[in-house]
């Protein structure tokens, strides 16, 4: 192969990284559930969710030990 031609295959890893497809789908399902819950709460950003949780925490009564 001429020197000015880049052999892309030589730069790729020859090893296949095992992918746990089930774990990826489980993470996607968890992300989907999280987004659905955020939608139900009426928040669209992490900052809004944090603010909501802080306001709920501040308004919650103290539980005696």
Protein backbone atom coordinates (compact mmCIF):
# COMPACT_ATOMS: atom_id res chain seq x y z
CA UNK A 1 0.00 0.00 0.00
CA UNK A 2 1.42 3.44 -0.87
CA UNK A 3 2.61 5.58 2.04
CA UNK A 4 0.09 8.37 1.39
CA UNK A 5 -2.88 5.99 1.74
CA UNK A 6 -4.20 5.47 5.25
CA UNK A 7 -5.10 1.88 6.04
CA UNK A 8 -8.09 2.38 8.32
CA UNK A 9 -8.24 -1.30 9.21
CA UNK A 10 -4.75 -1.14 10.70
CA UNK A 11 -5.88 1.57 13.14
CA UNK A 12 -8.89 -0.33 14.38
CA UNK A 13 -8.59 -2.66 17.27
CA UNK A 14 -8.52 -6.25 16.13
CA UNK A 15 -10.13 -7.36 19.37
CA UNK A 16 -13.88 -7.31 19.63
CA UNK A 17 -15.02 -5.82 22.91
CA UNK A 18 -17.75 -8.01 24.35
CA UNK A 19 -20.95 -6.06 24.61
CA UNK A 20 -23.50 -7.00 27.21
CA UNK A 21 -26.62 -6.26 25.20
CA UNK A 22 -28.93 -7.14 28.07
CA UNK A 23 -27.19 -4.66 30.37
CA UNK A 24 -27.49 -1.94 27.73
CA UNK A 25 -31.22 -2.59 27.34
CA UNK A 26 -31.67 -2.55 31.12
CA UNK A 27 -29.92 0.85 31.31
CA UNK A 28 -32.09 2.15 28.46
CA UNK A 29 -35.23 0.96 30.25
CA UNK A 30 -34.10 2.65 33.47
CA UNK A 31 -33.41 5.88 31.58
CA UNK A 32 -36.84 5.69 29.95
CA UNK A 33 -38.52 5.15 33.33
CA UNK A 34 -36.60 8.10 34.78
CA UNK A 35 -37.64 10.38 31.92
CA UNK A 36 -41.28 9.27 32.24
CA UNK A 37 -41.21 9.98 35.98
CA UNK A 38 -39.68 13.42 35.37
CA UNK A 39 -42.41 14.11 32.81
CA UNK A 40 -45.09 13.11 35.33
CA UNK A 41 -43.52 15.49 37.87
CA UNK A 42 -43.50 18.30 35.32
CA UNK A 43 -39.74 18.78 35.27
CA UNK A 44 -37.57 18.76 32.18
CA UNK A 45 -34.07 19.42 33.50
CA UNK A 46 -31.90 18.04 36.24
CA UNK A 47 -31.84 21.48 37.90
CA UNK A 48 -35.65 21.54 38.04
CA UNK A 49 -35.67 18.03 39.50
CA UNK A 50 -33.10 18.98 42.15
CA UNK A 51 -35.11 22.10 43.05
CA UNK A 52 -38.29 20.03 43.34
CA UNK A 53 -36.60 17.45 45.56
CA UNK A 54 -35.11 20.17 47.76
CA UNK A 55 -38.49 21.88 48.18
CA UNK A 56 -40.13 18.56 49.04
CA UNK A 57 -37.39 17.80 51.53
CA UNK A 58 -37.74 21.23 53.12
CA UNK A 59 -41.51 20.89 53.47
CA UNK A 60 -41.44 17.33 54.84
CA UNK A 61 -42.09 17.00 58.56
CA UNK A 62 -39.27 15.76 60.74
CA UNK A 63 -39.57 12.10 61.68
CA UNK A 64 -38.78 11.47 65.35
CA UNK A 65 -36.23 8.74 65.99
